[in-house]
Amino acid sequence: MQGVTLKSRAAAFACAAGALVFILSLVLGYTPGQEDDLMQVGRALIIAILCGTMSWASASRSMAATASAIDIATERLVSAAHGDLQSPVPKDIGGELPELSVAMESLFSQVRTNLDHVQTLALFDQVTGLANRTSFCRQVERHLAERTDAGMAALFFIDLDGFKGVNDTLGHAAGDQLLARVAGRLREVVMAQVSNGTGDAVIGRLAGDEFTLFFPTLPGRSAASRIARAIQFALSERFDLGSQHVELGASIGIACYPEHGDTLSALLRAADIAMYHAKHEGRGRAEIYTAELALEAADRAELERELLLGLQRDEFLLEFQPQIDIGSGRAVAAEALVRWAHPERDLVMPGAFVPIAEESGAIVALGDWVMSRVCETAARWAQAGIDQRIAVNISTRELAQADFFLRLRHAMATHEAPPAMLELEITESLAMDMEPRILGQLRALREEGVQIAIDDFGTGYSNLARLKELPVDRVKIDRSLVRDIATSAEARTICSAVVGLVQGLGMEVVVEGIESEAQMDVLRVIGCSLFQGYHLAMPSREQAYLDRFAPPMTMREQRSL
């Protein structure tokens, strides 16, 4: 009878061992946040492995002694299943089944190690070793819940300036190395501040290049400002990544407890608003949250909502500004500029809503509207015999859309816009970092007759070899290069060199931002003949533009108007 019972036990153990493969698949599929589930899996794994081991052991020992050892082992496993991984394996098991005893000790040790590793993965960022978002939030919420006084605490929201450029140029491995260095410097700042009565600070990496610091005790706002300056100083020093030297900075938003919020979510929101303002005020700044910043953020959010409604209600319109060839006195192209005819505001200029559209992603829908309207206008002008290209600005976010060129071609086909009537303007920085896929699409369009121009040239850094390889017809010199050209010999030298370079590469030069006759006189001597700017013409609605610039016109006649 005892042998039958033992065989039944062995059979049950063997069945449990058969579930091992399934349990292992659960363990290997673990992701952070599943700690409780993994604990249950670990317990089941212990039982499954030992059941299989004991089924083997039971066949090689005397029935009574083995049954007793198995019963003791079963009791030990039950306690392990309830979380006891520290108690030693009973000696009775080692005396009767030494191999099983060793296996149990080894397994318990392995599970303890694995659970510690899982906890580390669940709570710490693998790149920097800092608390991840989940861990940071838990620690700060605990600090807030345990507060017994109304003293000040502060949360710092840090966004690195220039990190994306490092990732793009040096690669993600270098980017991760840089993030680890940033984390090290933040630790040094915290260590230096803790001795000043700030309490145990919490450092976290929320995502990407966003870091957070929470100081549970601060004597006042001046201490928060001092910490922000220390952070900026630490992050402004050069980072050495092997043979590469990287310059960074940081935009910092500060929210104070309890003035700006008494919960973590409120503090994060306030610090984020302050950081956003710091970044848009020129970067490399630290801002403390204020009610005025909250109003600006609310207005920006409201403008974003109205922007989407404006697209649905067709509240946008185009104005046109000519590019004039002073040799013939004729407008050879018209740049299409979007305006927002807001029902409750004055005519809204693009500087007020295009950045918001870029950040929210609405620029894609806005760009589609502009492209459709430009194609429709170009088709009408071609039918009317108006021999002028229409230039349209293309944003980085638009080009990043995988189906951008498909949508562009659809708009051209829908309105039957002649390719030779269209000109796409892309910024200098975008042109220098353009992906091969986009370059190929632009070359194909150019072969069909669409003109390509680089806009705002002179505001970034251009690789000359890269510029020569680009499918570009003309380059638009930015207004910043010609602003002082009539009064500064240095400005004239720089502008002359840039114009000579562009023309030497076989591209036309268009000078933007012309505001005076003196500027034009100097630029003519340098060798420029295509101009655009307020001195020549303000942007105007289509009919007003056509009335003035569609018929052939000499420069003298234009100036007399």
Protein backbone atom coordinates (compact mmCIF):
# COMPACT_ATOMS: atom_id res chain seq x y z
CA MET A 1 0.00 0.00 0.00
CA GLN A 2 2.87 2.38 0.85
CA GLY A 3 4.51 1.60 -2.50
CA VAL A 4 1.31 2.45 -4.31
CA THR A 5 1.07 5.78 -2.49
CA LEU A 6 4.66 6.57 -3.30
CA LYS A 7 4.12 5.74 -6.94
CA SER A 8 1.07 8.02 -6.98
CA ARG A 9 3.18 10.80 -5.52
CA ALA A 10 5.88 10.22 -8.09
CA ALA A 11 3.32 10.31 -10.87
CA ALA A 12 1.92 13.59 -9.56
CA PHE A 13 5.42 15.03 -9.34
CA ALA A 14 6.12 13.98 -12.93
CA CYS A 15 2.93 15.69 -14.14
CA ALA A 16 3.91 18.87 -12.31
CA ALA A 17 7.32 18.78 -13.95
CA GLY A 18 5.61 18.62 -17.35
CA ALA A 19 4.21 22.10 -16.67
CA LEU A 20 7.74 23.47 -16.35
CA VAL A 21 8.05 24.45 -20.02
CA PHE A 22 4.90 26.57 -19.84
CA ILE A 23 6.01 28.27 -16.62
CA LEU A 24 9.42 29.08 -18.08
CA SER A 25 7.75 30.73 -21.06
CA LEU A 26 5.90 33.02 -18.64
CA VAL A 27 9.13 33.94 -16.88
CA LEU A 28 10.91 34.74 -20.14
CA GLY A 29 7.99 36.96 -21.18
CA TYR A 30 8.24 39.12 -18.09
CA THR A 31 8.01 42.88 -18.42
CA PRO A 32 8.42 45.52 -15.64
CA GLY A 33 5.18 45.94 -13.71
CA GLN A 34 4.48 42.19 -13.46
CA GLU A 35 6.37 41.64 -10.19
CA ASP A 36 3.42 39.98 -8.37
CA ASP A 37 2.69 37.71 -11.30
CA LEU A 38 6.35 36.71 -11.52
CA MET A 39 6.42 35.88 -7.81
CA GLN A 40 3.55 33.47 -8.36
CA VAL A 41 5.34 32.02 -11.37
CA GLY A 42 8.53 31.65 -9.30
CA ARG A 43 6.67 29.73 -6.65
CA ALA A 44 5.12 27.45 -9.23
CA LEU A 45 8.54 27.01 -10.83
CA ILE A 46 10.03 25.83 -7.53
CA ILE A 47 7.30 23.26 -7.08
CA ALA A 48 7.45 22.04 -10.69
CA ILE A 49 11.22 21.56 -10.74
CA LEU A 50 11.36 19.85 -7.37
CA CYS A 51 8.42 17.63 -8.16
CA GLY A 52 10.26 16.32 -11.17
CA THR A 53 13.44 15.86 -9.13
CA MET A 54 11.63 14.05 -6.36
CA SER A 55 9.88 11.70 -8.76
CA TRP A 56 13.33 10.61 -9.90
CA ALA A 57 14.69 10.40 -6.37
CA SER A 58 11.76 8.40 -5.06
CA ALA A 59 12.60 5.51 -7.38
CA SER A 60 16.16 5.14 -5.96
CA ARG A 61 15.55 5.09 -2.19
CA SER A 62 13.81 2.90 0.26
CA MET A 63 10.10 3.45 0.30
CA ALA A 64 9.56 4.50 3.93
CA ALA A 65 12.59 6.78 4.28
CA THR A 66 12.03 8.36 0.89
CA ALA A 67 8.35 8.95 1.62
CA SER A 68 9.25 10.70 4.88
CA ALA A 69 11.88 12.89 3.13
CA ILE A 70 9.41 13.74 0.39
CA ASP A 71 6.80 14.74 2.97
CA ILE A 72 9.32 17.04 4.67
CA ALA A 73 10.38 18.46 1.31
CA THR A 74 6.74 19.07 0.43
CA GLU A 75 6.23 21.03 3.66
CA ARG A 76 9.33 23.10 2.88
CA LEU A 77 8.03 23.78 -0.60
CA VAL A 78 4.69 24.91 0.78
CA SER A 79 6.47 27.43 3.00
CA ALA A 80 8.53 28.58 0.00
CA ALA A 81 5.34 29.02 -1.99
CA HIS A 82 4.20 31.40 0.76
CA GLY A 83 7.36 33.48 0.42
CA ASP A 84 9.88 31.76 2.68
CA LEU A 85 13.01 31.55 0.53
CA GLN A 86 15.43 32.18 3.40
CA SER A 87 14.99 29.22 5.77
CA PRO A 88 17.47 26.37 5.23
CA VAL A 89 16.48 23.05 3.71
CA PRO A 90 15.74 20.54 6.56
CA LYS A 91 18.59 18.15 7.38
CA ASP A 92 16.29 15.13 7.08
CA ILE A 93 16.05 15.80 3.34
CA GLY A 94 19.84 16.03 3.05
CA GLY A 95 20.35 12.83 4.98
CA GLU A 96 18.00 10.76 2.86
CA LEU A 97 18.12 12.64 -0.45
CA PRO A 98 21.36 14.68 -0.55
CA GLU A 99 21.09 15.54 -4.24
CA LEU A 100 17.57 16.84 -3.72
CA SER A 101 18.74 18.94 -0.76
CA VAL A 102 21.51 20.52 -2.84
CA ALA A 103 19.08 21.14 -5.69
CA MET A 104 16.60 22.86 -3.35
CA GLU A 105 19.27 25.12 -1.85
CA SER A 106 20.56 26.02 -5.31
CA LEU A 107 17.09 26.67 -6.62
CA PHE A 108 16.08 28.88 -3.70
CA SER A 109 19.28 30.89 -4.18
CA GLN A 110 18.62 31.25 -7.91
CA VAL A 111 15.03 32.38 -7.36
CA ARG A 112 16.14 34.94 -4.75
CA THR A 113 18.71 36.32 -7.21
CA ASN A 114 16.19 36.42 -10.05
CA LEU A 115 13.57 38.19 -7.95
CA ASP A 116 16.13 40.79 -6.86
CA HIS A 117 17.00 41.31 -10.54
CA VAL A 118 13.34 41.64 -11.46
CA GLN A 119 12.84 44.25 -8.76
CA THR A 120 15.81 46.19 -10.08
CA LEU A 121 14.43 46.10 -13.62
CA ALA A 122 11.03 47.22 -12.37
CA LEU A 123 12.28 50.20 -10.39
CA PHE A 124 15.42 51.54 -12.08
CA ASP A 125 16.23 52.92 -15.51
CA GLN A 126 18.67 50.56 -17.22
CA VAL A 127 20.61 53.32 -19.02
CA THR A 128 21.25 55.70 -16.13
CA GLY A 129 20.64 53.62 -13.02
CA LEU A 130 18.26 56.31 -11.77
CA ALA A 131 14.73 55.68 -10.59
CA ASN A 132 12.42 55.15 -13.55
CA ARG A 133 9.06 56.92 -13.89
CA THR A 134 7.20 54.36 -11.76
CA SER A 135 9.78 54.31 -8.99
CA PHE A 136 10.23 58.09 -8.97
CA CYS A 137 6.49 58.67 -8.68
CA ARG A 138 6.13 56.12 -5.87
CA GLN A 139 8.97 57.66 -3.86
CA VAL A 140 7.71 61.23 -4.26
CA GLU A 141 4.14 60.24 -3.40
CA ARG A 142 5.45 58.53 -0.26
CA HIS A 143 7.37 61.68 0.71
CA LEU A 144 4.24 63.80 0.22
CA ALA A 145 2.04 61.39 2.17
CA GLU A 146 4.47 61.27 5.11
CA ARG A 147 4.89 65.05 5.45
CA THR A 148 4.05 66.36 8.91
CA ASP A 149 4.72 70.05 8.31
CA ALA A 150 3.82 72.71 5.76
CA GLY A 151 7.41 73.45 4.79
CA MET A 152 8.49 73.89 1.22
CA ALA A 153 9.50 71.10 -1.16
CA ALA A 154 10.43 71.47 -4.83
CA LEU A 155 10.22 69.41 -7.99
CA PHE A 156 12.62 70.13 -10.89
CA PHE A 157 11.73 69.12 -14.44
CA ILE A 158 14.89 69.03 -16.60
CA ASP A 159 14.92 68.78 -20.39
CA LEU A 160 18.32 68.56 -22.10
CA ASP A 161 19.08 71.11 -24.83
CA GLY A 162 20.75 69.63 -27.90
CA PHE A 163 20.46 65.95 -27.01
CA LYS A 164 18.57 65.02 -30.18
CA GLY A 165 21.47 66.26 -32.28
CA VAL A 166 23.84 63.93 -30.41
CA ASN A 167 21.58 60.95 -31.04
CA ASP A 168 21.22 61.84 -34.71
CA THR A 169 24.90 62.47 -35.41
CA LEU A 170 26.76 60.13 -33.03
CA GLY A 171 24.20 57.34 -32.70
CA HIS A 172 22.08 55.94 -29.88
CA ALA A 173 24.99 54.20 -28.16
CA ALA A 174 26.72 57.55 -27.70
CA GLY A 175 23.38 59.03 -26.67
CA ASP A 176 22.96 56.41 -23.94
CA GLN A 177 26.52 57.04 -22.76
CA LEU A 178 25.76 60.75 -22.57
CA LEU A 179 22.57 60.14 -20.58
CA ALA A 180 24.57 58.07 -18.09
CA ARG A 181 27.07 60.95 -17.73
CA VAL A 182 24.22 63.40 -17.19
CA ALA A 183 22.82 61.14 -14.46
CA GLY A 184 26.22 61.10 -12.77
CA ARG A 185 26.42 64.89 -12.71
CA LEU A 186 22.90 65.16 -11.32
CA ARG A 187 23.90 62.79 -8.52
CA GLU A 188 26.86 65.05 -7.75
CA VAL A 189 24.57 68.09 -7.57
CA VAL A 190 22.23 66.28 -5.20
CA MET A 191 25.08 65.11 -2.97
CA ALA A 192 26.36 68.66 -2.71
CA GLN A 193 22.91 69.99 -1.80
CA VAL A 194 21.87 67.34 0.73
CA SER A 195 24.40 68.69 3.22
CA ASN A 196 22.59 72.04 3.06
CA GLY A 197 19.48 70.71 4.78
CA THR A 198 17.50 69.72 1.68
CA GLY A 199 16.69 66.19 2.84
CA ASP A 200 17.07 63.01 0.82
CA ALA A 201 16.40 64.00 -2.78
CA VAL A 202 14.90 61.67 -5.39
CA ILE A 203 16.37 61.64 -8.91
CA GLY A 204 14.54 60.07 -11.82
CA ARG A 205 14.59 59.73 -15.57
CA LEU A 206 11.04 60.05 -16.86
CA ALA A 207 11.69 59.34 -20.54
CA GLY A 208 14.11 60.21 -23.33
CA ASP A 209 16.16 63.23 -22.24
CA GLU A 210 13.78 64.28 -19.46
CA PHE A 211 14.99 64.08 -15.86
CA THR A 212 13.29 64.97 -12.58
CA LEU A 213 14.57 65.88 -9.12
CA PHE A 214 12.50 66.15 -5.97
CA PHE A 215 13.81 67.81 -2.81
CA PRO A 216 11.45 67.08 0.12
CA THR A 217 12.78 69.92 2.26
CA LEU A 218 13.95 73.34 1.14
CA PRO A 219 14.31 76.55 3.16
CA GLY A 220 12.79 78.71 0.40
CA ARG A 221 12.65 79.72 -3.26
CA SER A 222 16.18 81.03 -3.19
CA ALA A 223 17.37 77.50 -2.44
CA ALA A 224 15.41 76.19 -5.43
CA SER A 225 16.99 78.82 -7.67
CA ARG A 226 20.44 77.95 -6.31
CA ILE A 227 19.91 74.26 -7.09
CA ALA A 228 18.74 75.12 -10.61
CA ARG A 229 21.90 77.15 -11.20
CA ALA A 230 24.00 74.25 -9.91
CA ILE A 231 22.26 71.88 -12.33
CA GLN A 232 22.81 74.23 -15.25
CA PHE A 233 26.46 74.70 -14.37
CA ALA A 234 27.01 70.95 -14.05
CA LEU A 235 25.34 70.18 -17.38
CA SER A 236 26.92 73.06 -19.29
CA GLU A 237 30.45 71.70 -18.83
CA ARG A 238 31.74 69.76 -21.81
CA PHE A 239 31.09 66.02 -21.99
CA ASP A 240 33.91 63.89 -23.39
CA LEU A 241 32.66 60.78 -25.17
CA GLY A 242 35.88 59.13 -26.29
CA SER A 243 37.15 61.23 -29.18
CA GLN A 244 33.94 63.27 -29.32
CA HIS A 245 33.30 66.41 -27.30
CA VAL A 246 29.67 67.31 -26.67
CA GLU A 247 28.22 70.58 -25.43
CA LEU A 248 24.82 70.38 -23.73
CA GLY A 249 22.58 72.59 -21.70
CA ALA A 250 19.32 72.27 -19.84
CA SER A 251 15.94 73.96 -19.67
CA ILE A 252 14.54 73.63 -16.16
CA GLY A 253 11.04 74.07 -14.77
CA ILE A 254 10.52 74.36 -11.01
CA ALA A 255 7.32 73.72 -9.04
CA CYS A 256 7.13 74.38 -5.30
CA TYR A 257 5.06 72.44 -2.75
CA PRO A 258 2.49 73.37 -1.56
CA GLU A 259 2.23 76.68 -3.40
CA HIS A 260 2.04 75.16 -6.89
CA GLY A 261 0.35 71.91 -5.97
CA ASP A 262 0.01 69.42 -3.13
CA THR A 263 -0.02 66.27 -5.28
CA LEU A 264 2.60 64.77 -7.55
CA SER A 265 0.47 65.18 -10.67
CA ALA A 266 -0.09 68.87 -9.93
CA LEU A 267 3.62 69.45 -9.29
CA LEU A 268 4.65 67.62 -12.46
CA ARG A 269 2.17 69.61 -14.52
CA ALA A 270 3.36 72.92 -13.05
CA ALA A 271 7.05 72.07 -13.51
CA ASP A 272 6.40 70.94 -17.08
CA ILE A 273 4.69 74.25 -17.89
CA ALA A 274 7.61 76.18 -16.42
CA MET A 275 10.13 74.05 -18.35
CA TYR A 276 8.23 74.55 -21.60
CA HIS A 277 8.37 78.31 -21.09
CA ALA A 278 12.10 78.18 -20.32
CA LYS A 279 12.79 76.25 -23.52
CA HIS A 280 10.79 78.61 -25.67
CA GLU A 281 12.40 81.67 -24.14
CA GLY A 282 15.77 80.67 -25.56
CA ARG A 283 16.76 77.47 -23.71
CA GLY A 284 19.46 77.22 -21.11
CA ARG A 285 17.08 78.84 -18.62
CA ALA A 286 15.35 77.94 -15.36
CA GLU A 287 11.80 79.13 -14.68
CA ILE A 288 9.70 78.87 -11.54
CA TYR A 289 6.02 78.19 -12.18
CA THR A 290 3.68 81.17 -11.96
CA ALA A 291 0.00 81.77 -12.54
CA GLU A 292 0.91 83.81 -15.63
CA LEU A 293 2.70 80.81 -17.13
CA ALA A 294 -0.37 78.69 -16.40
CA LEU A 295 -2.51 81.19 -18.29
CA GLU A 296 -0.09 81.09 -21.23
CA ALA A 297 -0.21 77.30 -21.23
CA ALA A 298 -4.00 77.33 -21.06
CA ASP A 299 -4.11 79.85 -23.92
CA ARG A 300 -1.76 77.69 -25.93
CA ALA A 301 -3.93 74.63 -25.31
CA GLU A 302 -7.02 76.60 -26.26
CA LEU A 303 -5.31 77.84 -29.42
CA GLU A 304 -4.43 74.24 -30.28
CA ARG A 305 -8.08 73.21 -29.97
CA GLU A 306 -9.20 76.20 -32.02
CA LEU A 307 -6.59 75.37 -34.63
CA LEU A 308 -8.15 71.97 -35.24
CA LEU A 309 -11.61 73.56 -35.37
CA GLY A 310 -10.28 76.20 -37.76
CA LEU A 311 -9.13 73.49 -40.15
CA GLN A 312 -12.57 71.90 -40.02
CA ARG A 313 -14.26 75.28 -40.61
CA ASP A 314 -11.87 76.32 -43.40
CA GLU A 315 -10.77 79.50 -41.58
CA PHE A 316 -7.34 79.65 -43.20
CA LEU A 317 -6.29 81.60 -46.26
CA LEU A 318 -3.22 82.21 -48.38
CA GLU A 319 -1.37 85.42 -49.08
CA PHE A 320 1.36 85.77 -51.70
CA GLN A 321 4.67 87.63 -51.70
CA PRO A 322 6.65 88.00 -54.94
CA GLN A 323 10.24 87.11 -55.78
CA ILE A 324 11.28 89.82 -58.24
CA ASP A 325 13.99 89.71 -60.87
CA ILE A 326 15.34 93.26 -60.90
CA GLY A 327 16.82 92.70 -64.34
CA SER A 328 13.40 92.39 -65.97
CA GLY A 329 11.36 93.96 -63.19
CA ARG A 330 9.02 90.98 -63.19
CA ALA A 331 7.84 88.66 -60.45
CA VAL A 332 9.14 85.19 -61.28
CA ALA A 333 7.63 83.38 -58.31
CA ALA A 334 5.18 83.91 -55.48
CA GLU A 335 5.69 82.47 -52.01
CA ALA A 336 2.41 81.19 -50.52
CA LEU A 337 2.05 82.24 -46.88
CA VAL A 338 -0.71 80.85 -44.68
CA ARG A 339 -2.85 83.10 -42.49
CA TRP A 340 -5.60 82.29 -40.00
CA ALA A 341 -8.78 84.32 -40.30
CA HIS A 342 -9.82 83.62 -36.71
CA PRO A 343 -13.46 84.59 -36.09
CA GLU A 344 -12.70 86.25 -32.72
CA ARG A 345 -9.13 87.50 -33.17
CA ASP A 346 -7.35 89.67 -35.66
CA LEU A 347 -5.78 87.97 -38.68
CA VAL A 348 -3.38 85.54 -36.99
CA MET A 349 0.14 85.38 -38.44
CA PRO A 350 1.92 82.02 -38.80
CA GLY A 351 4.43 82.80 -36.03
CA ALA A 352 1.56 82.56 -33.53
CA PHE A 353 0.13 79.21 -34.60
CA VAL A 354 2.62 77.28 -36.75
CA PRO A 355 4.88 76.35 -33.77
CA ILE A 356 1.81 75.06 -31.94
CA ALA A 357 0.77 73.12 -35.02
CA GLU A 358 4.27 71.62 -35.21
CA GLU A 359 4.22 70.49 -31.58
CA SER A 360 0.71 69.08 -31.66
CA GLY A 361 1.04 67.37 -35.03
CA ALA A 362 -1.70 69.51 -36.56
CA ILE A 363 0.93 70.81 -39.00
CA VAL A 364 0.34 67.69 -41.10
CA ALA A 365 -3.34 68.52 -41.64
CA LEU A 366 -2.52 72.21 -42.08
CA GLY A 367 0.20 71.35 -44.59
CA ASP A 368 -2.25 69.20 -46.56
CA TRP A 369 -4.67 72.12 -46.71
CA VAL A 370 -1.94 74.51 -47.88
CA MET A 371 -0.65 72.05 -50.49
CA SER A 372 -4.14 71.42 -51.86
CA ARG A 373 -4.85 75.14 -52.10
CA VAL A 374 -1.48 75.86 -53.72
CA CYS A 375 -1.98 73.11 -56.31
CA GLU A 376 -5.46 74.42 -57.09
CA THR A 377 -4.10 77.98 -57.44
CA ALA A 378 -1.17 76.87 -59.58
CA ALA A 379 -3.52 75.07 -61.96
CA ARG A 380 -5.69 78.18 -62.34
CA TRP A 381 -2.68 80.42 -62.92
CA ALA A 382 -1.32 78.06 -65.56
CA GLN A 383 -4.65 78.07 -67.38
CA ALA A 384 -4.69 81.88 -67.24
CA GLY A 385 -1.19 82.05 -68.75
CA ILE A 386 0.47 83.37 -65.58
CA ASP A 387 4.06 82.18 -65.82
CA GLN A 388 5.04 82.29 -62.12
CA ARG A 389 5.96 79.46 -59.79
CA ILE A 390 4.20 79.21 -56.43
CA ALA A 391 6.61 78.38 -53.60
CA VAL A 392 5.40 76.58 -50.48
CA ASN A 393 7.25 75.83 -47.25
CA ILE A 394 7.51 72.17 -46.18
CA SER A 395 8.09 71.46 -42.50
CA THR A 396 10.29 68.77 -41.00
CA ARG A 397 7.29 67.05 -39.47
CA GLU A 398 5.49 66.92 -42.81
CA LEU A 399 8.46 65.32 -44.54
CA ALA A 400 8.73 62.80 -41.71
CA GLN A 401 5.34 61.38 -42.70
CA ALA A 402 5.88 58.20 -44.70
CA ASP A 403 3.07 59.08 -47.12
CA PHE A 404 3.90 62.78 -47.58
CA PHE A 405 4.98 62.48 -51.20
CA LEU A 406 1.98 60.27 -51.97
CA ARG A 407 -0.33 62.98 -50.61
CA LEU A 408 1.56 65.67 -52.51
CA ARG A 409 1.23 63.80 -55.79
CA HIS A 410 -2.44 63.18 -55.07
CA ALA A 411 -3.02 66.94 -54.62
CA MET A 412 -1.14 67.68 -57.88
CA ALA A 413 -3.15 65.07 -59.78
CA THR A 414 -6.48 66.12 -58.27
CA HIS A 415 -6.05 69.76 -59.31
CA GLU A 416 -3.99 69.01 -62.44
CA ALA A 417 -1.26 71.35 -61.25
CA PRO A 418 1.70 71.51 -63.69
CA PRO A 419 4.89 70.42 -61.83
CA ALA A 420 6.81 73.38 -63.28
CA MET A 421 4.44 75.75 -61.44
CA LEU A 422 5.44 74.41 -58.01
CA GLU A 423 8.45 75.07 -55.81
CA LEU A 424 9.08 73.27 -52.50
CA GLU A 425 11.05 75.18 -49.86
CA ILE A 426 12.89 73.22 -47.15
CA THR A 427 15.05 74.65 -44.37
CA GLU A 428 18.83 74.49 -44.42
CA SER A 429 19.03 72.26 -41.33
CA LEU A 430 16.52 69.84 -42.78
CA ALA A 431 18.38 69.71 -46.09
CA MET A 432 21.66 68.85 -44.36
CA ASP A 433 20.14 65.90 -42.42
CA MET A 434 17.81 64.58 -45.08
CA GLU A 435 17.27 60.83 -45.27
CA PRO A 436 18.11 58.97 -48.50
CA ARG A 437 14.42 58.08 -48.91
CA ILE A 438 13.41 61.74 -48.94
CA LEU A 439 16.30 62.69 -51.22
CA GLY A 440 15.18 60.09 -53.74
CA GLN A 441 11.61 61.39 -53.71
CA LEU A 442 12.78 64.99 -54.17
CA ARG A 443 15.00 63.99 -57.08
CA ALA A 444 12.05 62.25 -58.73
CA LEU A 445 9.87 65.35 -58.34
CA ARG A 446 12.62 67.59 -59.65
CA GLU A 447 13.01 65.42 -62.75
CA GLU A 448 9.29 65.92 -63.37
CA GLY A 449 9.67 69.71 -63.21
CA VAL A 450 9.03 70.65 -59.57
CA GLN A 451 11.58 73.18 -58.32
CA ILE A 452 13.41 72.68 -54.99
CA ALA A 453 14.74 75.54 -52.85
CA ILE A 454 16.63 75.76 -49.57
CA ASP A 455 15.05 78.35 -47.29
CA ASP A 456 16.67 80.38 -44.49
CA PHE A 457 20.17 79.62 -45.76
CA GLY A 458 22.86 80.96 -43.43
CA THR A 459 21.08 80.18 -40.15
CA GLY A 460 22.64 76.74 -39.71
CA TYR A 461 25.75 74.79 -40.59
CA SER A 462 26.06 73.53 -44.15
CA ASN A 463 28.37 70.79 -45.30
CA LEU A 464 29.63 71.97 -48.70
CA ALA A 465 29.97 68.47 -50.11
CA ARG A 466 26.44 67.72 -48.93
CA LEU A 467 25.08 70.92 -50.45
CA LYS A 468 26.59 70.02 -53.80
CA GLU A 469 24.86 66.63 -53.81
CA LEU A 470 21.38 67.92 -53.00
CA PRO A 471 18.70 68.17 -55.72
CA VAL A 472 18.33 71.93 -55.32
CA ASP A 473 17.57 74.65 -57.89
CA ARG A 474 17.95 77.76 -55.75
CA VAL A 475 19.00 78.94 -52.32
CA LYS A 476 17.20 81.66 -50.35
CA ILE A 477 19.67 83.72 -48.30
CA ASP A 478 18.24 84.42 -44.86
CA ARG A 479 17.49 87.99 -43.82
CA SER A 480 19.97 87.74 -40.92
CA LEU A 481 22.87 87.77 -43.42
CA VAL A 482 21.72 90.93 -45.20
CA ARG A 483 20.26 92.94 -42.32
CA ASP A 484 23.44 95.03 -41.83
CA ILE A 485 24.91 94.68 -45.29
CA ALA A 486 24.53 98.38 -46.13
CA THR A 487 26.45 99.53 -43.04
CA SER A 488 28.82 96.69 -42.11
CA ALA A 489 31.89 95.73 -44.14
CA GLU A 490 32.02 92.42 -42.30
CA ALA A 491 28.40 91.64 -43.25
CA ARG A 492 29.20 92.46 -46.88
CA THR A 493 32.22 90.14 -46.85
CA ILE A 494 30.24 87.25 -45.39
CA CYS A 495 27.29 87.72 -47.71
CA SER A 496 29.54 88.00 -50.75
CA ALA A 497 31.30 84.75 -49.83
CA VAL A 498 28.00 82.90 -49.34
CA VAL A 499 26.53 84.17 -52.61
CA GLY A 500 29.70 83.26 -54.50
CA LEU A 501 29.65 79.77 -53.00
CA VAL A 502 26.02 79.11 -53.94
CA GLN A 503 26.39 80.48 -57.44
CA GLY A 504 29.61 78.53 -57.86
CA LEU A 505 27.62 75.34 -57.23
CA GLY A 506 25.29 76.25 -60.09
CA MET A 507 22.31 77.34 -58.01
CA GLU A 508 20.28 80.53 -58.19
CA VAL A 509 20.33 82.94 -55.25
CA VAL A 510 17.21 84.59 -53.85
CA VAL A 511 17.73 87.17 -51.11
CA GLU A 512 14.97 87.37 -48.49
CA GLY A 513 14.14 90.13 -46.07
CA ILE A 514 14.91 93.14 -48.29
CA GLU A 515 13.90 96.22 -46.34
CA SER A 516 15.73 99.08 -48.07
CA GLU A 517 17.04 100.30 -51.40
CA ALA A 518 20.55 100.48 -49.90
CA GLN A 519 20.52 96.74 -49.27
CA MET A 520 19.51 96.09 -52.88
CA ASP A 521 22.24 98.35 -54.22
CA VAL A 522 24.96 96.45 -52.33
CA LEU A 523 23.52 93.06 -53.29
CA ARG A 524 23.40 94.01 -56.96
CA VAL A 525 27.11 94.77 -56.82
CA ILE A 526 27.71 91.40 -55.18
CA GLY A 527 25.87 89.73 -58.05
CA CYS A 528 22.31 89.13 -56.79
CA SER A 529 19.28 89.79 -58.97
CA LEU A 530 16.37 87.96 -57.28
CA PHE A 531 14.86 89.68 -54.24
CA GLN A 532 11.97 89.23 -51.82
CA GLY A 533 10.98 91.46 -48.95
CA TYR A 534 8.74 94.18 -47.54
CA HIS A 535 10.63 96.89 -49.41
CA LEU A 536 9.39 95.39 -52.66
CA ALA A 537 5.96 94.14 -51.63
CA MET A 538 4.00 93.08 -48.59
CA PRO A 539 2.17 89.74 -48.77
CA SER A 540 -1.32 90.17 -50.20
CA ARG A 541 -4.41 88.20 -51.10
CA GLU A 542 -4.48 86.48 -54.46
CA GLN A 543 -6.48 89.01 -56.44
CA ALA A 544 -4.49 91.97 -55.14
CA TYR A 545 -1.30 90.12 -55.97
CA LEU A 546 -2.42 89.32 -59.51
CA ASP A 547 -3.57 92.89 -60.13
CA ARG A 548 -0.10 94.11 -59.32
CA PHE A 549 2.30 91.37 -60.40
CA ALA A 550 0.64 89.17 -62.98
CA PRO A 551 1.13 91.50 -65.97
CA PRO A 552 4.68 92.24 -67.16
CA MET A 553 6.00 95.11 -65.11
CA THR A 554 9.28 97.01 -65.00
CA MET A 555 10.99 97.80 -61.76
CA ARG A 556 10.54 101.51 -62.34
CA GLU A 557 6.80 101.05 -62.79
CA GLN A 558 6.63 98.91 -59.68
CA ARG A 559 8.46 101.50 -57.55
CA SER A 560 6.08 104.23 -58.72
CA LEU A 561 3.10 102.38 -57.23
